[in-house]
Amino acid sequence: MEQQKVDMFILTNGEKFPEEKVPFVREKLLSMDESKWSILSTMQFKNPTIALLLSIFLGVYGIDRLYIGDTGIGIGKLLTCGGLGIWTIIDWFLISGATKEQNYNKLQTYIY
């Protein structure tokens, strides 16, 4: 794929992936076939900042985990009121990283 397209993709979506994996994503995109660009450019990734805000305000109900696709944990938080608040507080620190990992996994399934 063209370097300019890859750089634009990294520029617009780089903050939605774990920092240590961005060089790997760039390398894989450069070696990817040009025909996959149209699908790749339309992929939607979850925003870690929105996930954090959902965690702060609605984390007790598991909305943050449901937003990123962790339905099991989201339902568990909903049924236990955020693990009696403990799970909610822990997620304030972990939800951004979990969102980035979910985005990376989504991209990784498409790249391979």
C-alpha atoms as a PDB file:
ATOM      1  CA  MET A   1       0.000   0.000   0.000  1.00  0.00           C
ATOM      2  CA  GLU A   2       1.171   3.549  -0.597  1.00  0.00           C
ATOM      3  CA  GLN A   3       3.165   5.120   2.199  1.00  0.00           C
ATOM      4  CA  GLN A   4       1.057   8.291   2.067  1.00  0.00           C
ATOM      5  CA  LYS A   5      -2.176   6.354   2.700  1.00  0.00           C
ATOM      6  CA  VAL A   6      -0.579   4.418   5.539  1.00  0.00           C
ATOM      7  CA  ASP A   7       0.736   7.606   7.138  1.00  0.00           C
ATOM      8  CA  MET A   8      -2.713   9.189   6.899  1.00  0.00           C
ATOM      9  CA  PHE A   9      -4.325   6.121   8.474  1.00  0.00           C
ATOM     10  CA  ILE A  10      -1.789   6.128  11.327  1.00  0.00           C
ATOM     11  CA  LEU A  11      -2.237   9.874  11.812  1.00  0.00           C
ATOM     12  CA  THR A  12      -6.015   9.647  12.099  1.00  0.00           C
ATOM     13  CA  ASN A  13      -6.253   6.358  14.020  1.00  0.00           C
ATOM     14  CA  GLY A  14      -2.907   5.986  15.801  1.00  0.00           C
ATOM     15  CA  GLU A  15      -4.255   7.082  19.201  1.00  0.00           C
ATOM     16  CA  LYS A  16      -6.857   4.307  19.059  1.00  0.00           C
ATOM     17  CA  PHE A  17      -4.208   1.565  19.191  1.00  0.00           C
ATOM     18  CA  PRO A  18      -1.621   0.659  21.849  1.00  0.00           C
ATOM     19  CA  GLU A  19       1.476   2.830  21.372  1.00  0.00           C
ATOM     20  CA  GLU A  20       3.872  -0.089  21.300  1.00  0.00           C
ATOM     21  CA  LYS A  21       1.939  -1.744  18.448  1.00  0.00           C
ATOM     22  CA  VAL A  22       1.672   1.246  16.103  1.00  0.00           C
ATOM     23  CA  PRO A  23       5.004   0.478  14.337  1.00  0.00           C
ATOM     24  CA  PHE A  24       3.834  -3.090  13.735  1.00  0.00           C
ATOM     25  CA  VAL A  25       0.526  -1.817  12.325  1.00  0.00           C
ATOM     26  CA  ARG A  26       2.398   0.567  10.035  1.00  0.00           C
ATOM     27  CA  GLU A  27       4.677  -2.195   8.784  1.00  0.00           C
ATOM     28  CA  LYS A  28       1.760  -4.564   8.115  1.00  0.00           C
ATOM     29  CA  LEU A  29      -0.213  -1.864   6.297  1.00  0.00           C
ATOM     30  CA  LEU A  30       2.736  -1.048   4.047  1.00  0.00           C
ATOM     31  CA  SER A  31       2.980  -4.691   2.993  1.00  0.00           C
ATOM     32  CA  MET A  32      -0.787  -5.054   2.525  1.00  0.00           C
ATOM     33  CA  ASP A  33      -2.458  -5.261  -0.875  1.00  0.00           C
ATOM     34  CA  GLU A  34      -3.885  -2.009  -2.284  1.00  0.00           C
ATOM     35  CA  SER A  35      -7.271  -3.620  -2.927  1.00  0.00           C
ATOM     36  CA  LYS A  36      -8.014  -3.799   0.808  1.00  0.00           C
ATOM     37  CA  TRP A  37      -7.679  -0.047   1.303  1.00  0.00           C
ATOM     38  CA  SER A  38     -11.334   0.790   0.657  1.00  0.00           C
ATOM     39  CA  ILE A  39     -12.520  -1.539   3.426  1.00  0.00           C
ATOM     40  CA  LEU A  40      -9.731  -0.505   5.782  1.00  0.00           C
ATOM     41  CA  SER A  41     -10.480   3.195   5.362  1.00  0.00           C
ATOM     42  CA  THR A  42     -14.128   2.660   6.348  1.00  0.00           C
ATOM     43  CA  MET A  43     -13.431   0.643   9.504  1.00  0.00           C
ATOM     44  CA  GLN A  44     -14.798   2.234  12.667  1.00  0.00           C
ATOM     45  CA  PHE A  45     -12.695   2.072  15.828  1.00  0.00           C
ATOM     46  CA  LYS A  46     -13.851   2.850  19.366  1.00  0.00           C
ATOM     47  CA  ASN A  47     -12.556   6.039  20.939  1.00  0.00           C
ATOM     48  CA  PRO A  48     -10.658   5.457  24.227  1.00  0.00           C
ATOM     49  CA  THR A  49     -11.691   8.890  25.540  1.00  0.00           C
ATOM     50  CA  ILE A  50     -15.380   8.134  25.063  1.00  0.00           C
ATOM     51  CA  ALA A  51     -14.868   4.783  26.767  1.00  0.00           C
ATOM     52  CA  LEU A  52     -13.244   6.557  29.725  1.00  0.00           C
ATOM     53  CA  LEU A  53     -16.105   9.050  29.982  1.00  0.00           C
ATOM     54  CA  LEU A  54     -18.623   6.214  29.845  1.00  0.00           C
ATOM     55  CA  SER A  55     -16.644   4.447  32.542  1.00  0.00           C
ATOM     56  CA  ILE A  56     -16.652   7.478  34.805  1.00  0.00           C
ATOM     57  CA  PHE A  57     -20.340   8.286  34.425  1.00  0.00           C
ATOM     58  CA  LEU A  58     -21.999   4.952  33.588  1.00  0.00           C
ATOM     59  CA  GLY A  59     -19.384   2.390  34.590  1.00  0.00           C
ATOM     60  CA  VAL A  60     -21.525   1.064  37.433  1.00  0.00           C
ATOM     61  CA  TYR A  61     -23.977  -0.184  34.813  1.00  0.00           C
ATOM     62  CA  GLY A  62     -21.300  -1.762  32.602  1.00  0.00           C
ATOM     63  CA  ILE A  63     -21.994   0.578  29.685  1.00  0.00           C
ATOM     64  CA  ASP A  64     -18.265   1.178  29.185  1.00  0.00           C
ATOM     65  CA  ARG A  65     -17.550  -2.513  28.654  1.00  0.00           C
ATOM     66  CA  LEU A  66     -20.588  -2.971  26.446  1.00  0.00           C
ATOM     67  CA  TYR A  67     -19.355  -0.026  24.331  1.00  0.00           C
ATOM     68  CA  ILE A  68     -16.030  -1.706  23.576  1.00  0.00           C
ATOM     69  CA  GLY A  69     -17.562  -5.117  22.992  1.00  0.00           C
ATOM     70  CA  ASP A  70     -16.837  -6.906  26.288  1.00  0.00           C
ATOM     71  CA  THR A  71     -20.412  -8.071  26.737  1.00  0.00           C
ATOM     72  CA  GLY A  72     -19.611 -10.641  29.423  1.00  0.00           C
ATOM     73  CA  ILE A  73     -17.867  -8.151  31.673  1.00  0.00           C
ATOM     74  CA  GLY A  74     -20.481  -5.501  30.871  1.00  0.00           C
ATOM     75  CA  ILE A  75     -23.336  -7.762  31.953  1.00  0.00           C
ATOM     76  CA  GLY A  76     -21.360  -8.815  35.029  1.00  0.00           C
ATOM     77  CA  LYS A  77     -20.899  -5.174  36.019  1.00  0.00           C
ATOM     78  CA  LEU A  78     -24.571  -4.493  35.387  1.00  0.00           C
ATOM     79  CA  LEU A  79     -25.729  -7.361  37.594  1.00  0.00           C
ATOM     80  CA  THR A  80     -23.309  -6.569  40.435  1.00  0.00           C
ATOM     81  CA  CYS A  81     -23.561  -2.752  40.286  1.00  0.00           C
ATOM     82  CA  GLY A  82     -19.999  -2.480  39.062  1.00  0.00           C
ATOM     83  CA  GLY A  83     -18.750  -5.142  41.469  1.00  0.00           C
ATOM     84  CA  LEU A  84     -20.090  -3.038  44.330  1.00  0.00           C
ATOM     85  CA  GLY A  85     -18.149  -0.096  42.888  1.00  0.00           C
ATOM     86  CA  ILE A  86     -14.757  -1.786  43.041  1.00  0.00           C
ATOM     87  CA  TRP A  87     -14.845  -2.991  39.443  1.00  0.00           C
ATOM     88  CA  THR A  88     -15.937   0.448  38.339  1.00  0.00           C
ATOM     89  CA  ILE A  89     -12.994   2.188  39.995  1.00  0.00           C
ATOM     90  CA  ILE A  90     -10.538  -0.332  38.566  1.00  0.00           C
ATOM     91  CA  ASP A  91     -11.983   0.234  35.084  1.00  0.00           C
ATOM     92  CA  TRP A  92     -11.331   3.969  35.345  1.00  0.00           C
ATOM     93  CA  PHE A  93      -7.663   3.059  34.998  1.00  0.00           C
ATOM     94  CA  LEU A  94      -7.952   0.091  32.624  1.00  0.00           C
ATOM     95  CA  ILE A  95     -10.697   0.984  30.144  1.00  0.00           C
ATOM     96  CA  SER A  96      -8.546   3.111  27.803  1.00  0.00           C
ATOM     97  CA  GLY A  97      -6.009   0.315  27.413  1.00  0.00           C
ATOM     98  CA  ALA A  98      -8.764  -2.256  26.950  1.00  0.00           C
ATOM     99  CA  THR A  99     -10.348  -0.109  24.232  1.00  0.00           C
ATOM    100  CA  LYS A 100      -7.047   0.209  22.386  1.00  0.00           C
ATOM    101  CA  GLU A 101      -6.497  -3.555  22.608  1.00  0.00           C
ATOM    102  CA  GLN A 102      -9.997  -4.226  21.240  1.00  0.00           C
ATOM    103  CA  ASN A 103      -9.315  -1.849  18.337  1.00  0.00           C
ATOM    104  CA  TYR A 104      -5.981  -3.513  17.646  1.00  0.00           C
ATOM    105  CA  ASN A 105      -7.568  -6.971  17.685  1.00  0.00           C
ATOM    106  CA  LYS A 106     -10.258  -5.791  15.258  1.00  0.00           C
ATOM    107  CA  LEU A 107      -7.621  -4.427  12.886  1.00  0.00           C
ATOM    108  CA  GLN A 108      -5.465  -7.500  13.290  1.00  0.00           C
ATOM    109  CA  THR A 109      -8.277  -9.812  12.179  1.00  0.00           C
ATOM    110  CA  TYR A 110      -8.599  -7.769   9.010  1.00  0.00           C
ATOM    111  CA  ILE A 111      -4.868  -7.466   8.275  1.00  0.00           C
ATOM    112  CA  TYR A 112      -4.329 -11.227   8.311  1.00  0.00           C
END
